[in-house]
Amino acid sequence: MSFPVDILRPYYLTGLSNICDTTNKTFKQWIESEPQILDRYEGASSKFFFYVSDREKLLKSLAFDISRMSIASFESICSISTETELPRSTAWPLIRSYYAAFFSAHTIMRIFGYSVVQLEKSQSSILSKALQFHESPPSDKINDGLHLICVSNDEPIFSLQKLANGSHEDTWSVIAEVLKNISEKFLIDANPIAVQKKQNLYYQLDELINVIRTYPCNTRSNWLSRMRNEINYQHKHGVWYPHEKSKNFRDRVYNNLILWPKPPRLSINKKTHYLDKYSQACVYFISMSKELMLDLATRNPENNSFLKSNAIKVLKQAEKVKNQSKATE
């Protein structure tokens, strides 16, 4: 792995690398199966903090989510090939690469202790019930809908905060903030990594964030989602028949997409076509999640990471499919 995971490793969710297996429960199912106790409530930010009595069970639920998101990403990206598309077509490869990047963004944020989760009645009712047993029950309630979950490395708690814009838009907004905050930390935190390496990674991640904040998505960081919607639902950008504009970007798009098994990189300048930029950013998220996942697996002290028998197995199959597709082109 040439991607500088050693710079990002100190910010992984503590204890995650020690997990060897999962209970096949998602985080939402963990909420339903474990007693929930309100630790405190911050009214200014409308943020609830819940006590975690068994951290390993919580980590196992997040590990299961990481596995399934990784698998979805690799299965989405692996068989994209010029051989399976109409001549000059790029619509479905661009759509599939978006979803692979979307799943990868969920993988990345969970490795760092963050989750964007759609709470349903079965979870919100349990969490709401816990509020009434607090010595100072908050007046605000926990409703169904999208929430940001943050698991603390310093306290036995997780926080919960309502999100307002939708699963795709909020996912990109959160991942942008997570990467921005971590980048700012590793630049100043004391560690043995060379300053130049830290600066290089900072510039890469800053460029990535700038891409997903391309105008008019400066605030919400959802440019990839916006582009996917325009391609998928409005049939814009010349990616569908008669593909009148595809000669300007098709080769670059496919050249980018086949690089997902490689360490992530961006090569963007003022002349870069926006669909070239889009596909590079998608692949960066996929590649980054792969590198972080593999590094997380190697940190397991028993050499038996929860990723070994599922996500890594699928990754190897996906890489094999990619190599076979490349050989036939």
Protein backbone atom coordinates (compact mmCIF):
# COMPACT_ATOMS: atom_id res chain seq x y z
CA MET A 1 0.00 0.00 0.00
CA SER A 2 1.58 3.23 -1.15
CA PHE A 3 -1.31 5.42 -0.03
CA PRO A 4 -0.16 7.06 3.23
CA VAL A 5 -2.44 5.14 5.58
CA ASP A 6 0.14 5.57 8.33
CA ILE A 7 -0.85 9.24 8.50
CA LEU A 8 -4.56 8.46 8.82
CA ARG A 9 -4.28 5.39 11.08
CA PRO A 10 -4.18 7.34 14.39
CA TYR A 11 -7.69 8.62 13.61
CA TYR A 12 -9.31 5.19 13.13
CA LEU A 13 -12.07 4.30 15.54
CA THR A 14 -10.26 2.80 18.53
CA GLY A 15 -10.71 -0.96 18.88
CA LEU A 16 -12.09 -1.50 15.39
CA SER A 17 -8.95 -3.23 14.16
CA ASN A 18 -9.25 -5.81 16.97
CA ILE A 19 -12.62 -7.11 15.80
CA CYS A 20 -12.35 -10.61 14.38
CA ASP A 21 -15.98 -11.34 13.65
CA THR A 22 -19.35 -9.65 13.64
CA THR A 23 -22.80 -10.58 14.92
CA ASN A 24 -24.32 -9.77 11.52
CA LYS A 25 -26.20 -6.88 13.11
CA THR A 26 -26.16 -3.41 11.64
CA PHE A 27 -25.76 -0.39 13.88
CA LYS A 28 -29.52 0.13 13.71
CA GLN A 29 -30.12 -3.46 14.85
CA TRP A 30 -27.60 -2.91 17.66
CA ILE A 31 -29.72 0.02 18.88
CA GLU A 32 -32.72 -2.29 19.10
CA SER A 33 -30.87 -5.11 20.85
CA GLU A 34 -28.97 -3.17 23.55
CA PRO A 35 -30.20 -1.06 26.50
CA GLN A 36 -29.99 2.63 25.58
CA ILE A 37 -29.18 5.18 28.29
CA LEU A 38 -29.04 8.93 27.74
CA ASP A 39 -25.79 10.35 29.09
CA ARG A 40 -26.49 14.01 28.35
CA TYR A 41 -28.12 16.40 25.93
CA GLU A 42 -26.71 19.56 24.35
CA GLY A 43 -29.59 21.87 23.58
CA ALA A 44 -27.53 24.39 21.60
CA SER A 45 -26.63 21.77 18.99
CA SER A 46 -29.65 19.48 19.51
CA LYS A 47 -27.21 16.64 20.10
CA PHE A 48 -27.97 13.56 22.20
CA PHE A 49 -25.20 11.55 23.87
CA PHE A 50 -25.90 7.91 24.76
CA TYR A 51 -23.86 5.75 27.11
CA VAL A 52 -22.20 2.65 25.61
CA SER A 53 -22.11 -0.21 28.13
CA ASP A 54 -20.51 -2.79 25.80
CA ARG A 55 -18.17 -1.16 23.28
CA GLU A 56 -17.26 -4.44 21.57
CA LYS A 57 -20.87 -5.09 20.56
CA LEU A 58 -21.12 -1.57 19.19
CA LEU A 59 -17.87 -2.03 17.25
CA LYS A 60 -19.09 -5.33 15.83
CA SER A 61 -22.20 -3.63 14.46
CA LEU A 62 -20.08 -0.92 12.81
CA ALA A 63 -17.73 -3.60 11.50
CA PHE A 64 -20.67 -5.33 9.87
CA ASP A 65 -21.72 -2.04 8.26
CA ILE A 66 -18.17 -1.46 6.99
CA SER A 67 -18.13 -4.94 5.45
CA ARG A 68 -21.43 -4.59 3.63
CA MET A 69 -20.64 -1.08 2.36
CA SER A 70 -17.23 -2.24 1.08
CA ILE A 71 -18.77 -5.22 -0.68
CA ALA A 72 -21.39 -3.01 -2.34
CA SER A 73 -18.67 -0.67 -3.57
CA PHE A 74 -16.47 -3.38 -5.07
CA GLU A 75 -19.38 -5.17 -6.73
CA SER A 76 -20.55 -1.88 -8.25
CA ILE A 77 -17.24 -0.90 -9.82
CA CYS A 78 -15.61 -4.20 -10.78
CA SER A 79 -17.10 -5.05 -14.19
CA ILE A 80 -17.20 -1.64 -15.84
CA SER A 81 -15.67 -2.16 -19.27
CA THR A 82 -15.89 -0.69 -22.77
CA GLU A 83 -16.77 -4.20 -23.95
CA THR A 84 -20.07 -4.20 -22.06
CA GLU A 85 -21.30 -0.80 -23.29
CA LEU A 86 -22.56 0.58 -26.56
CA PRO A 87 -19.90 2.39 -28.59
CA ARG A 88 -19.17 5.80 -27.06
CA SER A 89 -21.58 5.18 -24.15
CA THR A 90 -20.58 6.29 -20.67
CA ALA A 91 -23.90 6.76 -18.85
CA TRP A 92 -24.08 3.60 -16.75
CA PRO A 93 -20.34 3.45 -15.98
CA LEU A 94 -20.61 6.99 -14.57
CA ILE A 95 -23.73 6.11 -12.58
CA ARG A 96 -22.23 2.89 -11.22
CA SER A 97 -18.98 4.60 -10.31
CA TYR A 98 -21.00 7.17 -8.36
CA TYR A 99 -22.72 4.50 -6.29
CA ALA A 100 -19.43 2.72 -5.68
CA ALA A 101 -18.00 6.02 -4.43
CA PHE A 102 -21.12 6.63 -2.30
CA PHE A 103 -20.74 3.23 -0.59
CA SER A 104 -17.02 3.92 -0.18
CA ALA A 105 -17.73 7.24 1.51
CA HIS A 106 -19.84 5.35 4.05
CA THR A 107 -16.98 2.88 4.58
CA ILE A 108 -14.44 5.67 5.12
CA MET A 109 -16.51 7.65 7.60
CA ARG A 110 -17.29 4.53 9.67
CA ILE A 111 -13.61 3.64 9.92
CA PHE A 112 -13.14 7.05 11.52
CA GLY A 113 -16.16 6.64 13.83
CA TYR A 114 -18.90 8.47 11.91
CA SER A 115 -22.11 7.15 10.38
CA VAL A 116 -24.97 8.69 8.46
CA VAL A 117 -27.94 6.53 9.44
CA GLN A 118 -31.63 6.55 8.55
CA LEU A 119 -33.42 5.84 11.82
CA GLU A 120 -36.76 4.11 11.58
CA LYS A 121 -39.58 3.90 14.11
CA SER A 122 -38.19 0.77 15.73
CA GLN A 123 -34.95 2.60 16.61
CA SER A 124 -36.23 6.12 17.29
CA SER A 125 -38.87 4.83 19.71
CA ILE A 126 -36.25 2.98 21.77
CA LEU A 127 -33.96 6.01 21.89
CA SER A 128 -36.86 8.33 22.71
CA LYS A 129 -37.99 6.07 25.52
CA ALA A 130 -34.52 6.32 27.07
CA LEU A 131 -34.88 10.09 27.36
CA GLN A 132 -37.62 9.92 29.99
CA PHE A 133 -35.37 8.08 32.44
CA HIS A 134 -32.76 10.83 32.49
CA GLU A 135 -32.62 13.06 35.58
CA SER A 136 -33.29 16.07 33.33
CA PRO A 137 -35.28 14.77 30.35
CA PRO A 138 -34.78 17.01 27.29
CA SER A 139 -37.81 18.66 25.74
CA ASP A 140 -36.61 17.72 22.24
CA LYS A 141 -37.52 14.28 20.96
CA ILE A 142 -35.80 11.80 18.65
CA ASN A 143 -37.79 11.28 15.48
CA ASP A 144 -37.44 9.04 12.46
CA GLY A 145 -35.14 10.24 9.72
CA LEU A 146 -31.51 10.75 8.86
CA HIS A 147 -29.02 11.23 11.71
CA LEU A 148 -25.30 11.68 12.16
CA ILE A 149 -23.78 9.19 14.60
CA CYS A 150 -20.35 9.88 16.13
CA VAL A 151 -18.64 7.28 18.32
CA SER A 152 -16.19 8.74 20.81
CA ASN A 153 -12.67 7.43 21.32
CA ASP A 154 -12.37 9.29 24.62
CA GLU A 155 -15.64 8.43 26.37
CA PRO A 156 -17.97 5.38 26.35
CA ILE A 157 -20.59 7.28 24.37
CA PHE A 158 -22.00 7.89 20.94
CA SER A 159 -23.70 11.10 19.86
CA LEU A 160 -26.76 11.47 17.67
CA GLN A 161 -27.79 14.57 15.72
CA LYS A 162 -30.57 15.09 13.18
CA LEU A 163 -29.69 15.79 9.54
CA ALA A 164 -32.00 17.64 7.22
CA ASN A 165 -31.07 17.33 3.54
CA GLY A 166 -31.31 13.66 2.50
CA SER A 167 -29.11 10.57 2.49
CA HIS A 168 -26.89 11.41 -0.50
CA GLU A 169 -26.53 15.12 0.13
CA ASP A 170 -25.81 14.69 3.83
CA THR A 171 -23.39 11.81 3.25
CA TRP A 172 -21.18 13.99 1.04
CA SER A 173 -21.47 16.92 3.42
CA VAL A 174 -20.37 14.75 6.36
CA ILE A 175 -17.49 13.02 4.55
CA ALA A 176 -16.15 16.40 3.42
CA GLU A 177 -16.14 17.67 7.00
CA VAL A 178 -14.62 14.44 8.35
CA LEU A 179 -11.73 14.55 5.85
CA LYS A 180 -11.24 18.28 6.37
CA ASN A 181 -11.08 17.92 10.17
CA ILE A 182 -8.69 14.95 10.04
CA SER A 183 -6.47 16.76 7.52
CA GLU A 184 -6.19 19.75 9.81
CA LYS A 185 -5.33 17.47 12.73
CA PHE A 186 -2.61 15.41 11.09
CA LEU A 187 -0.83 18.54 9.88
CA ILE A 188 -0.25 19.74 13.45
CA ASP A 189 -0.35 16.53 15.51
CA ALA A 190 3.00 15.21 16.69
CA ASN A 191 3.88 11.97 14.91
CA PRO A 192 6.97 10.50 13.23
CA ILE A 193 5.65 10.95 9.68
CA ALA A 194 7.68 13.31 7.50
CA VAL A 195 6.16 16.75 7.13
CA GLN A 196 6.35 16.55 3.34
CA LYS A 197 4.27 13.36 3.29
CA LYS A 198 1.64 14.94 5.51
CA GLN A 199 1.52 18.03 3.31
CA ASN A 200 1.19 15.91 0.18
CA LEU A 201 -1.77 14.01 1.63
CA TYR A 202 -3.30 17.26 2.85
CA TYR A 203 -3.16 18.70 -0.67
CA GLN A 204 -4.71 15.50 -2.12
CA LEU A 205 -7.62 15.52 0.30
CA ASP A 206 -8.06 19.27 -0.09
CA GLU A 207 -8.27 18.80 -3.87
CA LEU A 208 -10.79 16.00 -3.40
CA ILE A 209 -12.95 18.19 -1.16
CA ASN A 210 -12.71 21.02 -3.69
CA VAL A 211 -13.99 18.68 -6.40
CA ILE A 212 -17.07 17.62 -4.46
CA ARG A 213 -17.64 21.29 -3.61
CA THR A 214 -17.58 22.33 -7.26
CA TYR A 215 -20.01 25.20 -7.94
CA PRO A 216 -22.93 25.33 -7.23
CA CYS A 217 -22.30 22.79 -4.46
CA ASN A 218 -19.81 24.90 -2.49
CA THR A 219 -21.67 24.54 0.80
CA ARG A 220 -23.18 21.06 0.75
CA SER A 221 -20.32 19.22 -1.01
CA ASN A 222 -22.77 17.21 -3.11
CA TRP A 223 -21.47 17.87 -6.64
CA LEU A 224 -21.05 14.16 -7.38
CA SER A 225 -24.64 13.52 -6.36
CA ARG A 226 -25.87 16.46 -8.42
CA MET A 227 -24.00 15.19 -11.49
CA ARG A 228 -25.33 11.67 -11.01
CA ASN A 229 -28.89 13.01 -10.83
CA GLU A 230 -28.43 14.98 -14.04
CA ILE A 231 -27.00 11.94 -15.81
CA ASN A 232 -29.50 9.45 -14.42
CA TYR A 233 -32.76 11.39 -14.45
CA GLN A 234 -32.28 14.31 -16.83
CA HIS A 235 -30.06 12.49 -19.38
CA LYS A 236 -27.68 15.41 -19.63
CA HIS A 237 -24.00 15.76 -20.61
CA GLY A 238 -24.06 13.70 -23.82
CA VAL A 239 -23.47 10.37 -22.07
CA TRP A 240 -26.58 8.72 -23.55
CA TYR A 241 -27.24 8.05 -27.24
CA PRO A 242 -26.46 9.75 -29.58
CA HIS A 243 -23.41 10.43 -27.36
CA GLU A 244 -22.72 13.65 -29.25
CA LYS A 245 -20.21 14.91 -26.68
CA SER A 246 -18.58 11.66 -25.58
CA LYS A 247 -15.51 12.09 -27.77
CA ASN A 248 -14.41 14.86 -25.40
CA PHE A 249 -14.21 12.67 -22.30
CA ARG A 250 -14.97 8.98 -22.96
CA ASP A 251 -11.41 7.66 -23.09
CA ARG A 252 -10.41 9.59 -19.99
CA VAL A 253 -13.44 8.33 -18.06
CA TYR A 254 -12.70 4.68 -18.80
CA ASN A 255 -8.99 5.15 -18.13
CA ASN A 256 -9.90 6.57 -14.73
CA LEU A 257 -12.41 3.87 -13.80
CA ILE A 258 -10.06 0.95 -14.41
CA LEU A 259 -7.62 2.44 -11.90
CA TRP A 260 -9.82 1.80 -8.85
CA PRO A 261 -7.63 -1.09 -7.54
CA LYS A 262 -4.59 1.23 -7.55
CA PRO A 263 -3.65 3.71 -4.81
CA PRO A 264 -5.81 6.84 -5.12
CA ARG A 265 -4.59 9.86 -7.02
CA LEU A 266 -5.98 13.01 -8.59
CA SER A 267 -4.68 14.69 -11.72
CA ILE A 268 -6.79 17.78 -12.28
CA ASN A 269 -6.11 21.16 -13.84
CA LYS A 270 -8.14 23.99 -15.36
CA LYS A 271 -8.44 22.13 -18.68
CA THR A 272 -9.71 18.87 -17.15
CA HIS A 273 -13.14 17.97 -18.50
CA TYR A 274 -15.72 17.93 -15.71
CA LEU A 275 -16.68 14.26 -16.33
CA ASP A 276 -12.99 13.38 -16.19
CA LYS A 277 -12.88 15.19 -12.85
CA TYR A 278 -16.08 13.48 -11.70
CA SER A 279 -14.76 9.98 -12.49
CA GLN A 280 -11.40 10.72 -10.88
CA ALA A 281 -13.11 11.80 -7.66
CA CYS A 282 -15.33 8.70 -7.63
CA VAL A 283 -12.34 6.44 -8.09
CA TYR A 284 -10.41 8.29 -5.38
CA PHE A 285 -13.09 7.47 -2.82
CA ILE A 286 -13.21 3.83 -3.93
CA SER A 287 -9.42 3.45 -3.87
CA MET A 288 -9.08 5.25 -0.56
CA SER A 289 -11.69 3.05 1.11
CA LYS A 290 -9.89 -0.04 -0.25
CA GLU A 291 -6.53 1.12 1.13
CA LEU A 292 -7.98 1.98 4.55
CA MET A 293 -9.87 -1.30 4.70
CA LEU A 294 -6.79 -3.37 3.85
CA ASP A 295 -4.72 -1.48 6.41
CA LEU A 296 -7.39 -1.97 9.06
CA ALA A 297 -7.34 -5.71 8.35
CA THR A 298 -3.55 -5.95 8.71
CA ARG A 299 -3.74 -4.33 12.16
CA ASN A 300 -5.73 -7.22 13.62
CA PRO A 301 -3.51 -8.79 16.32
CA GLU A 302 -4.80 -12.30 15.57
CA ASN A 303 -4.46 -11.93 11.80
CA ASN A 304 -8.16 -12.71 11.60
CA SER A 305 -9.87 -9.43 10.79
CA PHE A 306 -13.64 -9.34 10.34
CA LEU A 307 -12.91 -8.18 6.79
CA LYS A 308 -10.92 -11.25 5.84
CA SER A 309 -13.73 -13.65 4.98
CA ASN A 310 -16.10 -11.21 3.29
CA ALA A 311 -15.04 -7.77 2.03
CA ILE A 312 -11.46 -8.76 1.22
CA LYS A 313 -12.68 -11.93 -0.46
CA VAL A 314 -15.04 -9.89 -2.65
CA LEU A 315 -12.25 -7.39 -3.35
CA LYS A 316 -10.03 -10.15 -4.71
CA GLN A 317 -12.87 -11.45 -6.89
CA ALA A 318 -13.57 -7.93 -8.15
CA GLU A 319 -9.92 -7.36 -9.02
CA LYS A 320 -9.91 -10.66 -10.90
CA VAL A 321 -12.99 -9.64 -12.90
CA LYS A 322 -11.39 -6.28 -13.67
CA ASN A 323 -8.23 -7.95 -14.94
CA GLN A 324 -10.22 -10.35 -17.11
CA SER A 325 -12.22 -7.47 -18.60
CA LYS A 326 -9.06 -5.52 -19.32
CA ALA A 327 -7.50 -8.52 -21.06
CA THR A 328 -10.41 -8.80 -23.51
CA GLU A 329 -10.37 -5.13 -24.52
